[in-house]
PDB file of N, CA and C in Angstrom:
ATOM      1  N   UNK A   1       6.447  27.870   4.160  1.00  0.00           N
ATOM      2  CA  UNK A   1       5.736  26.635   3.934  1.00  0.00           C
ATOM      3  C   UNK A   1       6.040  26.077   2.544  1.00  0.00           C
ATOM      4  N   UNK A   2       6.090  26.940   1.559  1.00  0.00           N
ATOM      5  CA  UNK A   2       6.370  26.464   0.202  1.00  0.00           C
ATOM      6  C   UNK A   2       7.789  25.928   0.092  1.00  0.00           C
ATOM      7  N   UNK A   3       8.720  26.487   0.886  1.00  0.00           N
ATOM      8  CA  UNK A   3      10.088  25.983   0.865  1.00  0.00           C
ATOM      9  C   UNK A   3      10.124  24.530   1.325  1.00  0.00           C
ATOM     10  N   UNK A   4       9.317  24.215   2.324  1.00  0.00           N
ATOM     11  CA  UNK A   4       9.252  22.848   2.827  1.00  0.00           C
ATOM     12  C   UNK A   4       8.681  21.917   1.758  1.00  0.00           C
ATOM     13  N   UNK A   5       7.603  22.342   1.095  1.00  0.00           N
ATOM     14  CA  UNK A   5       6.962  21.505   0.079  1.00  0.00           C
ATOM     15  C   UNK A   5       7.817  21.374  -1.176  1.00  0.00           C
ATOM     16  N   UNK A   6       8.662  22.366  -1.465  1.00  0.00           N
ATOM     17  CA  UNK A   6       9.524  22.321  -2.653  1.00  0.00           C
ATOM     18  C   UNK A   6      10.597  21.234  -2.540  1.00  0.00           C
ATOM     19  N   UNK A   7      10.873  20.776  -1.318  1.00  0.00           N
ATOM     20  CA  UNK A   7      11.889  19.748  -1.123  1.00  0.00           C
ATOM     21  C   UNK A   7      11.429  18.377  -1.619  1.00  0.00           C
ATOM     22  N   UNK A   8      10.130  18.192  -1.777  1.00  0.00           N
ATOM     23  CA  UNK A   8       9.579  16.889  -2.160  1.00  0.00           C
ATOM     24  C   UNK A   8       9.142  16.890  -3.619  1.00  0.00           C
ATOM     25  N   UNK A   9       9.300  15.749  -4.279  1.00  0.00           N
ATOM     26  CA  UNK A   9       8.714  15.628  -5.616  1.00  0.00           C
ATOM     27  C   UNK A   9       7.271  15.126  -5.445  1.00  0.00           C
ATOM     28  N   UNK A  10       6.547  14.923  -6.511  1.00  0.00           N
ATOM     29  CA  UNK A  10       5.131  14.568  -6.438  1.00  0.00           C
ATOM     30  C   UNK A  10       4.855  13.287  -5.671  1.00  0.00           C
ATOM     31  N   UNK A  11       5.618  12.228  -5.953  1.00  0.00           N
ATOM     32  CA  UNK A  11       5.405  10.949  -5.279  1.00  0.00           C
ATOM     33  C   UNK A  11       5.682  11.013  -3.788  1.00  0.00           C
ATOM     34  N   UNK A  12       6.757  11.711  -3.428  1.00  0.00           N
ATOM     35  CA  UNK A  12       7.078  11.844  -2.009  1.00  0.00           C
ATOM     36  C   UNK A  12       6.022  12.658  -1.270  1.00  0.00           C
ATOM     37  N   UNK A  13       5.495  13.675  -1.928  1.00  0.00           N
ATOM     38  CA  UNK A  13       4.466  14.513  -1.313  1.00  0.00           C
ATOM     39  C   UNK A  13       3.189  13.712  -1.076  1.00  0.00           C
ATOM     40  N   UNK A  14       2.816  12.872  -2.048  1.00  0.00           N
ATOM     41  CA  UNK A  14       1.629  12.029  -1.881  1.00  0.00           C
ATOM     42  C   UNK A  14       1.838  11.052  -0.722  1.00  0.00           C
ATOM     43  N   UNK A  15       3.017  10.468  -0.628  1.00  0.00           N
ATOM     44  CA  UNK A  15       3.318   9.556   0.481  1.00  0.00           C
ATOM     45  C   UNK A  15       3.278  10.270   1.820  1.00  0.00           C
ATOM     46  N   UNK A  16       3.844  11.462   1.865  1.00  0.00           N
ATOM     47  CA  UNK A  16       3.845  12.248   3.103  1.00  0.00           C
ATOM     48  C   UNK A  16       2.420  12.575   3.545  1.00  0.00           C
ATOM     49  N   UNK A  17       1.593  13.015   2.599  1.00  0.00           N
ATOM     50  CA  UNK A  17       0.202  13.351   2.928  1.00  0.00           C
ATOM     51  C   UNK A  17      -0.556  12.098   3.379  1.00  0.00           C
ATOM     52  N   UNK A  18      -0.308  10.953   2.739  1.00  0.00           N
ATOM     53  CA  UNK A  18      -0.986   9.722   3.111  1.00  0.00           C
ATOM     54  C   UNK A  18      -0.610   9.291   4.531  1.00  0.00           C
ATOM     55  N   UNK A  19       0.665   9.333   4.854  1.00  0.00           N
ATOM     56  CA  UNK A  19       1.103   8.935   6.192  1.00  0.00           C
ATOM     57  C   UNK A  19       0.588   9.917   7.238  1.00  0.00           C
ATOM     58  N   UNK A  20       0.735  11.209   6.971  1.00  0.00           N
ATOM     59  CA  UNK A  20       0.266  12.210   7.926  1.00  0.00           C
ATOM     60  C   UNK A  20      -1.246  12.123   8.107  1.00  0.00           C
ATOM     61  N   UNK A  21      -1.979  11.904   7.010  1.00  0.00           N
ATOM     62  CA  UNK A  21      -3.435  11.779   7.095  1.00  0.00           C
ATOM     63  C   UNK A  21      -3.851  10.551   7.881  1.00  0.00           C
ATOM     64  N   UNK A  22      -3.145   9.441   7.679  1.00  0.00           N
ATOM     65  CA  UNK A  22      -3.445   8.227   8.435  1.00  0.00           C
ATOM     66  C   UNK A  22      -3.216   8.399   9.922  1.00  0.00           C
ATOM     67  N   UNK A  23      -2.107   9.029  10.273  1.00  0.00           N
ATOM     68  CA  UNK A  23      -1.828   9.279  11.687  1.00  0.00           C
ATOM     69  C   UNK A  23      -2.852  10.231  12.291  1.00  0.00           C
ATOM     70  N   UNK A  24      -3.184  11.270  11.546  1.00  0.00           N
ATOM     71  CA  UNK A  24      -4.163  12.238  12.036  1.00  0.00           C
ATOM     72  C   UNK A  24      -5.531  11.585  12.222  1.00  0.00           C
ATOM     73  N   UNK A  25      -5.903  10.734  11.289  1.00  0.00           N
ATOM     74  CA  UNK A  25      -7.188  10.029  11.384  1.00  0.00           C
ATOM     75  C   UNK A  25      -7.222   9.147  12.633  1.00  0.00           C
ATOM     76  N   UNK A  26      -6.152   8.432  12.901  1.00  0.00           N
ATOM     77  CA  UNK A  26      -6.080   7.592  14.097  1.00  0.00           C
ATOM     78  C   UNK A  26      -6.171   8.398  15.375  1.00  0.00           C
ATOM     79  N   UNK A  27      -5.478   9.523  15.401  1.00  0.00           N
ATOM     80  CA  UNK A  27      -5.505  10.385  16.585  1.00  0.00           C
ATOM     81  C   UNK A  27      -6.903  10.939  16.819  1.00  0.00           C
ATOM     82  N   UNK A  28      -7.554  11.400  15.759  1.00  0.00           N
ATOM     83  CA  UNK A  28      -8.910  11.959  15.881  1.00  0.00           C
ATOM     84  C   UNK A  28      -9.890  10.875  16.334  1.00  0.00           C
ATOM     85  N   UNK A  29      -9.813   9.681  15.743  1.00  0.00           N
ATOM     86  CA  UNK A  29     -10.727   8.592  16.119  1.00  0.00           C
ATOM     87  C   UNK A  29     -10.510   8.165  17.568  1.00  0.00           C
ATOM     88  N   UNK A  30      -9.274   8.041  17.973  1.00  0.00           N
ATOM     89  CA  UNK A  30      -8.986   7.652  19.349  1.00  0.00           C
ATOM     90  C   UNK A  30      -9.460   8.680  20.353  1.00  0.00           C
ATOM     91  N   UNK A  31      -9.204   9.936  20.069  1.00  0.00           N
ATOM     92  CA  UNK A  31      -9.638  11.006  20.962  1.00  0.00           C
ATOM     93  C   UNK A  31     -11.158  11.060  21.039  1.00  0.00           C
ATOM     94  N   UNK A  32     -11.829  10.921  19.907  1.00  0.00           N
ATOM     95  CA  UNK A  32     -13.285  10.943  19.879  1.00  0.00           C
ATOM     96  C   UNK A  32     -13.851   9.779  20.686  1.00  0.00           C
ATOM     97  N   UNK A  33     -13.252   8.622  20.563  1.00  0.00           N
ATOM     98  CA  UNK A  33     -13.707   7.452  21.309  1.00  0.00           C
ATOM     99  C   UNK A  33     -13.580   7.671  22.814  1.00  0.00           C
ATOM    100  N   UNK A  34     -12.479   8.225  23.237  1.00  0.00           N
ATOM    101  CA  UNK A  34     -12.269   8.491  24.662  1.00  0.00           C
ATOM    102  C   UNK A  34     -13.286   9.501  25.170  1.00  0.00           C
ATOM    103  N   UNK A  35     -13.511  10.561  24.421  1.00  0.00           N
ATOM    104  CA  UNK A  35     -14.457  11.596  24.836  1.00  0.00           C
ATOM    105  C   UNK A  35     -15.879  11.041  24.892  1.00  0.00           C
ATOM    106  N   UNK A  36     -16.278  10.265  23.890  1.00  0.00           N
ATOM    107  CA  UNK A  36     -17.630   9.717  23.867  1.00  0.00           C
ATOM    108  C   UNK A  36     -17.851   8.729  25.012  1.00  0.00           C
ATOM    109  N   UNK A  37     -16.849   7.928  25.332  1.00  0.00           N
ATOM    110  CA  UNK A  37     -16.955   7.005  26.454  1.00  0.00           C
ATOM    111  C   UNK A  37     -17.137   7.777  27.758  1.00  0.00           C
ATOM    112  N   UNK A  38     -16.391   8.843  27.914  1.00  0.00           N
ATOM    113  CA  UNK A  38     -16.511   9.669  29.116  1.00  0.00           C
ATOM    114  C   UNK A  38     -17.899  10.298  29.204  1.00  0.00           C
ATOM    115  N   UNK A  39     -18.413  10.827  28.108  1.00  0.00           N
ATOM    116  CA  UNK A  39     -19.744  11.436  28.110  1.00  0.00           C
ATOM    117  C   UNK A  39     -20.830  10.407  28.401  1.00  0.00           C
ATOM    118  N   UNK A  40     -20.670   9.183  27.879  1.00  0.00           N
ATOM    119  CA  UNK A  40     -21.632   8.113  28.154  1.00  0.00           C
ATOM    120  C   UNK A  40     -21.665   7.803  29.649  1.00  0.00           C
ATOM    121  N   UNK A  41     -20.488   7.721  30.253  1.00  0.00           N
ATOM    122  CA  UNK A  41     -20.426   7.431  31.688  1.00  0.00           C
ATOM    123  C   UNK A  41     -21.023   8.566  32.513  1.00  0.00           C
ATOM    124  N   UNK A  42     -20.820   9.807  32.069  1.00  0.00           N
ATOM    125  CA  UNK A  42     -21.427  10.937  32.774  1.00  0.00           C
ATOM    126  C   UNK A  42     -22.947  10.889  32.695  1.00  0.00           C
ATOM    127  N   UNK A  43     -23.485  10.528  31.516  1.00  0.00           N
ATOM    128  CA  UNK A  43     -24.945  10.422  31.368  1.00  0.00           C
ATOM    129  C   UNK A  43     -25.498   9.300  32.226  1.00  0.00           C
ATOM    130  N   UNK A  44     -24.798   8.172  32.285  1.00  0.00           N
ATOM    131  CA  UNK A  44     -25.237   7.057  33.121  1.00  0.00           C
ATOM    132  C   UNK A  44     -25.242   7.472  34.593  1.00  0.00           C
ATOM    133  N   UNK A  45     -24.205   8.189  35.010  1.00  0.00           N
ATOM    134  CA  UNK A  45     -24.119   8.648  36.393  1.00  0.00           C
ATOM    135  C   UNK A  45     -25.250   9.613  36.720  1.00  0.00           C
ATOM    136  N   UNK A  46     -25.542  10.536  35.808  1.00  0.00           N
ATOM    137  CA  UNK A  46     -26.635  11.489  36.035  1.00  0.00           C
ATOM    138  C   UNK A  46     -27.976  10.757  36.103  1.00  0.00           C
ATOM    139  N   UNK A  47     -28.170   9.750  35.259  1.00  0.00           N
ATOM    140  CA  UNK A  47     -29.400   8.981  35.285  1.00  0.00           C
ATOM    141  C   UNK A  47     -29.544   8.239  36.610  1.00  0.00           C
ATOM    142  N   UNK A  48     -28.471   7.617  37.060  1.00  0.00           N
ATOM    143  CA  UNK A  48     -28.518   6.900  38.341  1.00  0.00           C
ATOM    144  C   UNK A  48     -28.824   7.853  39.485  1.00  0.00           C
ATOM    145  N   UNK A  49     -28.206   9.024  39.482  1.00  0.00           N
ATOM    146  CA  UNK A  49     -28.437   9.995  40.545  1.00  0.00           C
ATOM    147  C   UNK A  49     -29.886  10.467  40.531  1.00  0.00           C
ATOM    148  N   UNK A  50     -30.431  10.693  39.343  1.00  0.00           N
ATOM    149  CA  UNK A  50     -31.822  11.115  39.222  1.00  0.00           C
ATOM    150  C   UNK A  50     -32.765  10.037  39.753  1.00  0.00           C
ATOM    151  N   UNK A  51     -32.484   8.785  39.425  1.00  0.00           N
ATOM    152  CA  UNK A  51     -33.349   7.706  39.898  1.00  0.00           C
ATOM    153  C   UNK A  51     -33.241   7.542  41.415  1.00  0.00           C
ATOM    154  N   UNK A  52     -32.041   7.733  41.975  1.00  0.00           N
ATOM    155  CA  UNK A  52     -31.902   7.685  43.426  1.00  0.00           C
ATOM    156  C   UNK A  52     -32.685   8.806  44.084  1.00  0.00           C
ATOM    157  N   UNK A  53     -32.642   9.999  43.488  1.00  0.00           N
ATOM    158  CA  UNK A  53     -33.395  11.132  44.033  1.00  0.00           C
ATOM    159  C   UNK A  53     -34.894  10.893  43.975  1.00  0.00           C
ATOM    160  N   UNK A  54     -35.350  10.103  42.995  1.00  0.00           N
ATOM    161  CA  UNK A  54     -36.775   9.781  42.888  1.00  0.00           C
ATOM    162  C   UNK A  54     -37.190   8.666  43.832  1.00  0.00           C
ATOM    163  N   UNK A  55     -36.215   8.009  44.453  1.00  0.00           N
ATOM    164  CA  UNK A  55     -36.519   6.987  45.442  1.00  0.00           C
ATOM    165  C   UNK A  55     -36.587   5.570  44.904  1.00  0.00           C
ATOM    166  N   UNK A  56     -36.019   5.314  43.737  1.00  0.00           N
ATOM    167  CA  UNK A  56     -36.021   3.959  43.202  1.00  0.00           C
ATOM    168  C   UNK A  56     -35.028   3.091  43.965  1.00  0.00           C
ATOM    169  N   UNK A  57     -35.343   1.803  44.043  1.00  0.00           N
ATOM    170  CA  UNK A  57     -34.438   0.870  44.722  1.00  0.00           C
ATOM    171  C   UNK A  57     -33.305   0.482  43.773  1.00  0.00           C
ATOM    172  N   UNK A  58     -32.304  -0.176  44.333  1.00  0.00           N
ATOM    173  CA  UNK A  58     -31.157  -0.599  43.523  1.00  0.00           C
ATOM    174  C   UNK A  58     -31.593  -1.594  42.448  1.00  0.00           C
ATOM    175  N   UNK A  59     -32.524  -2.494  42.774  1.00  0.00           N
ATOM    176  CA  UNK A  59     -33.010  -3.462  41.786  1.00  0.00           C
ATOM    177  C   UNK A  59     -33.753  -2.771  40.651  1.00  0.00           C
ATOM    178  N   UNK A  60     -34.540  -1.754  40.972  1.00  0.00           N
ATOM    179  CA  UNK A  60     -35.263  -1.018  39.938  1.00  0.00           C
ATOM    180  C   UNK A  60     -34.299  -0.251  39.032  1.00  0.00           C
ATOM    181  N   UNK A  61     -33.292   0.333  39.627  1.00  0.00           N
ATOM    182  CA  UNK A  61     -32.286   1.064  38.846  1.00  0.00           C
ATOM    183  C   UNK A  61     -31.553   0.102  37.916  1.00  0.00           C
ATOM    184  N   UNK A  62     -31.184  -1.060  38.430  1.00  0.00           N
ATOM    185  CA  UNK A  62     -30.498  -2.057  37.609  1.00  0.00           C
ATOM    186  C   UNK A  62     -31.387  -2.515  36.463  1.00  0.00           C
ATOM    187  N   UNK A  63     -32.684  -2.684  36.721  1.00  0.00           N
ATOM    188  CA  UNK A  63     -33.609  -3.098  35.668  1.00  0.00           C
ATOM    189  C   UNK A  63     -33.700  -2.038  34.579  1.00  0.00           C
ATOM    190  N   UNK A  64     -33.717  -0.767  34.964  1.00  0.00           N
ATOM    191  CA  UNK A  64     -33.778   0.320  33.978  1.00  0.00           C
ATOM    192  C   UNK A  64     -32.498   0.360  33.154  1.00  0.00           C
ATOM    193  N   UNK A  65     -31.361   0.230  33.803  1.00  0.00           N
ATOM    194  CA  UNK A  65     -30.088   0.300  33.089  1.00  0.00           C
ATOM    195  C   UNK A  65     -29.886  -0.906  32.173  1.00  0.00           C
ATOM    196  N   UNK A  66     -30.428  -2.061  32.551  1.00  0.00           N
ATOM    197  CA  UNK A  66     -30.280  -3.264  31.740  1.00  0.00           C
ATOM    198  C   UNK A  66     -31.304  -3.357  30.620  1.00  0.00           C
ATOM    199  N   UNK A  67     -32.306  -2.500  30.650  1.00  0.00           N
ATOM    200  CA  UNK A  67     -33.368  -2.572  29.641  1.00  0.00           C
ATOM    201  C   UNK A  67     -32.772  -2.392  28.250  1.00  0.00           C
ATOM    202  N   UNK A  68     -33.103  -3.306  27.357  1.00  0.00           N
ATOM    203  CA  UNK A  68     -32.628  -3.220  25.982  1.00  0.00           C
ATOM    204  C   UNK A  68     -31.280  -3.863  25.737  1.00  0.00           C
ATOM    205  N   UNK A  69     -30.656  -4.397  26.768  1.00  0.00           N
ATOM    206  CA  UNK A  69     -29.374  -5.072  26.575  1.00  0.00           C
ATOM    207  C   UNK A  69     -29.596  -6.579  26.578  1.00  0.00           C
ATOM    208  N   UNK A  70     -28.617  -7.322  26.106  1.00  0.00           N
ATOM    209  CA  UNK A  70     -28.733  -8.783  26.119  1.00  0.00           C
ATOM    210  C   UNK A  70     -28.889  -9.301  27.540  1.00  0.00           C
ATOM    211  N   UNK A  71     -28.111  -8.753  28.451  1.00  0.00           N
ATOM    212  CA  UNK A  71     -28.195  -9.192  29.845  1.00  0.00           C
ATOM    213  C   UNK A  71     -29.575  -8.896  30.419  1.00  0.00           C
ATOM    214  N   UNK A  72     -30.143  -7.768  30.045  1.00  0.00           N
ATOM    215  CA  UNK A  72     -31.473  -7.401  30.526  1.00  0.00           C
ATOM    216  C   UNK A  72     -32.544  -8.342  30.002  1.00  0.00           C
ATOM    217  N   UNK A  73     -32.467  -8.697  28.727  1.00  0.00           N
ATOM    218  CA  UNK A  73     -33.446  -9.623  28.157  1.00  0.00           C
ATOM    219  C   UNK A  73     -33.320 -11.000  28.799  1.00  0.00           C
ATOM    220  N   UNK A  74     -32.084 -11.424  29.032  1.00  0.00           N
ATOM    221  CA  UNK A  74     -31.856 -12.732  29.657  1.00  0.00           C
ATOM    222  C   UNK A  74     -32.432 -12.739  31.073  1.00  0.00           C
ATOM    223  N   UNK A  75     -32.198 -11.663  31.823  1.00  0.00           N
ATOM    224  CA  UNK A  75     -32.712 -11.564  33.188  1.00  0.00           C
ATOM    225  C   UNK A  75     -34.237 -11.511  33.187  1.00  0.00           C
ATOM    226  N   UNK A  76     -34.825 -10.796  32.241  1.00  0.00           N
ATOM    227  CA  UNK A  76     -36.287 -10.715  32.162  1.00  0.00           C
ATOM    228  C   UNK A  76     -36.880 -12.089  31.875  1.00  0.00           C
ATOM    229  N   UNK A  77     -36.260 -12.848  30.975  1.00  0.00           N
ATOM    230  CA  UNK A  77     -36.743 -14.206  30.691  1.00  0.00           C
ATOM    231  C   UNK A  77     -36.638 -15.097  31.924  1.00  0.00           C
ATOM    232  N   UNK A  78     -35.538 -14.955  32.661  1.00  0.00           N
ATOM    233  CA  UNK A  78     -35.340 -15.760  33.867  1.00  0.00           C
ATOM    234  C   UNK A  78     -36.407 -15.429  34.904  1.00  0.00           C
ATOM    235  N   UNK A  79     -36.676 -14.132  35.099  1.00  0.00           N
ATOM    236  CA  UNK A  79     -37.695 -13.725  36.069  1.00  0.00           C
ATOM    237  C   UNK A  79     -39.086 -14.195  35.646  1.00  0.00           C
ATOM    238  N   UNK A  80     -39.382 -14.093  34.360  1.00  0.00           N
ATOM    239  CA  UNK A  80     -40.680 -14.539  33.861  1.00  0.00           C
ATOM    240  C   UNK A  80     -40.856 -16.035  34.084  1.00  0.00           C
ATOM    241  N   UNK A  81     -39.826 -16.804  33.774  1.00  0.00           N
ATOM    242  CA  UNK A  81     -39.909 -18.255  33.975  1.00  0.00           C
ATOM    243  C   UNK A  81     -40.075 -18.576  35.456  1.00  0.00           C
ATOM    244  N   UNK A  82     -39.366 -17.873  36.311  1.00  0.00           N
ATOM    245  CA  UNK A  82     -39.474 -18.115  37.751  1.00  0.00           C
ATOM    246  C   UNK A  82     -40.866 -17.764  38.257  1.00  0.00           C
ATOM    247  N   UNK A  83     -41.439 -16.663  37.782  1.00  0.00           N
ATOM    248  CA  UNK A  83     -42.780 -16.278  38.234  1.00  0.00           C
ATOM    249  C   UNK A  83     -43.825 -17.256  37.714  1.00  0.00           C
ATOM    250  N   UNK A  84     -43.638 -17.763  36.498  1.00  0.00           N
ATOM    251  CA  UNK A  84     -44.577 -18.739  35.959  1.00  0.00           C
ATOM    252  C   UNK A  84     -44.493 -20.049  36.742  1.00  0.00           C
ATOM    253  N   UNK A  85     -43.295 -20.447  37.115  1.00  0.00           N
ATOM    254  CA  UNK A  85     -43.152 -21.654  37.936  1.00  0.00           C
ATOM    255  C   UNK A  85     -43.813 -21.447  39.290  1.00  0.00           C
ATOM    256  N   UNK A  86     -43.620 -20.267  39.882  1.00  0.00           N
ATOM    257  CA  UNK A  86     -44.218 -19.984  41.185  1.00  0.00           C
ATOM    258  C   UNK A  86     -45.743 -19.954  41.080  1.00  0.00           C
ATOM    259  N   UNK A  87     -46.282 -19.354  40.026  1.00  0.00           N
ATOM    260  CA  UNK A  87     -47.729 -19.320  39.833  1.00  0.00           C
ATOM    261  C   UNK A  87     -48.273 -20.722  39.643  1.00  0.00           C
ATOM    262  N   UNK A  88     -47.568 -21.546  38.896  1.00  0.00           N
ATOM    263  CA  UNK A  88     -47.990 -22.922  38.672  1.00  0.00           C
ATOM    264  C   UNK A  88     -47.999 -23.733  39.954  1.00  0.00           C
ATOM    265  N   UNK A  89     -46.999 -23.535  40.799  1.00  0.00           N
ATOM    266  CA  UNK A  89     -46.947 -24.286  42.057  1.00  0.00           C
ATOM    267  C   UNK A  89     -48.032 -23.795  43.003  1.00  0.00           C
ATOM    268  N   UNK A  90     -48.370 -22.505  42.968  1.00  0.00           N
ATOM    269  CA  UNK A  90     -49.459 -21.991  43.800  1.00  0.00           C
ATOM    270  C   UNK A  90     -50.787 -22.580  43.364  1.00  0.00           C
ATOM    271  N   UNK A  91     -50.987 -22.669  42.052  1.00  0.00           N
ATOM    272  CA  UNK A  91     -52.242 -23.222  41.541  1.00  0.00           C
ATOM    273  C   UNK A  91     -52.362 -24.690  41.929  1.00  0.00           C
ATOM    274  N   UNK A  92     -51.273 -25.425  41.826  1.00  0.00           N
ATOM    275  CA  UNK A  92     -51.317 -26.851  42.191  1.00  0.00           C
ATOM    276  C   UNK A  92     -51.575 -27.009  43.684  1.00  0.00           C
ATOM    277  N   UNK A  93     -50.932 -26.196  44.488  1.00  0.00           N
ATOM    278  CA  UNK A  93     -51.145 -26.305  45.937  1.00  0.00           C
ATOM    279  C   UNK A  93     -52.562 -25.844  46.305  1.00  0.00           C
ATOM    280  N   UNK A  94     -53.099 -24.876  45.590  1.00  0.00           N
ATOM    281  CA  UNK A  94     -54.467 -24.414  45.831  1.00  0.00           C
ATOM    282  C   UNK A  94     -55.477 -25.481  45.466  1.00  0.00           C
ATOM    283  N   UNK A  95     -55.235 -26.210  44.395  1.00  0.00           N
ATOM    284  CA  UNK A  95     -56.131 -27.286  43.985  1.00  0.00           C
ATOM    285  C   UNK A  95     -56.107 -28.419  45.010  1.00  0.00           C
ATOM    286  N   UNK A  96     -54.936 -28.688  45.539  1.00  0.00           N
ATOM    287  CA  UNK A  96     -54.825 -29.772  46.509  1.00  0.00           C
ATOM    288  C   UNK A  96     -55.563 -29.417  47.789  1.00  0.00           C
ATOM    289  N   UNK A  97     -55.555 -28.161  48.173  1.00  0.00           N
ATOM    290  CA  UNK A  97     -56.213 -27.737  49.413  1.00  0.00           C
ATOM    291  C   UNK A  97     -57.727 -27.783  49.245  1.00  0.00           C
ATOM    292  N   UNK A  98     -58.246 -27.381  48.098  1.00  0.00           N
ATOM    293  CA  UNK A  98     -59.691 -27.316  47.898  1.00  0.00           C
ATOM    294  C   UNK A  98     -60.315 -28.691  47.711  1.00  0.00           C
ATOM    295  N   UNK A  99     -59.582 -29.702  47.333  1.00  0.00           N
ATOM    296  CA  UNK A  99     -60.163 -31.019  47.088  1.00  0.00           C
ATOM    297  C   UNK A  99     -60.338 -31.795  48.323  1.00  0.00           C
TER     298      UNK A  99
END
């Protein structure tokens, strides 16, 4: 090993370590990203399977998975607005019937 390092002067050795370190850092980050993505998908799959075993419907499972995401908040606002419109139309139709 020392024979290999003796071939380089100080500047070349620093450059070699910098390039090798940069490549190693990229490889480690990429591998970690792939592994974490795979583990996330496994956890999501286990959660879905558990909810199916508990008897939840597809809509309920989707609501749980969307909770806390932008899409989930947008869908919750849409459902709330739709239910408020429906409640308002029921109240108006109820008033018309009683008069």
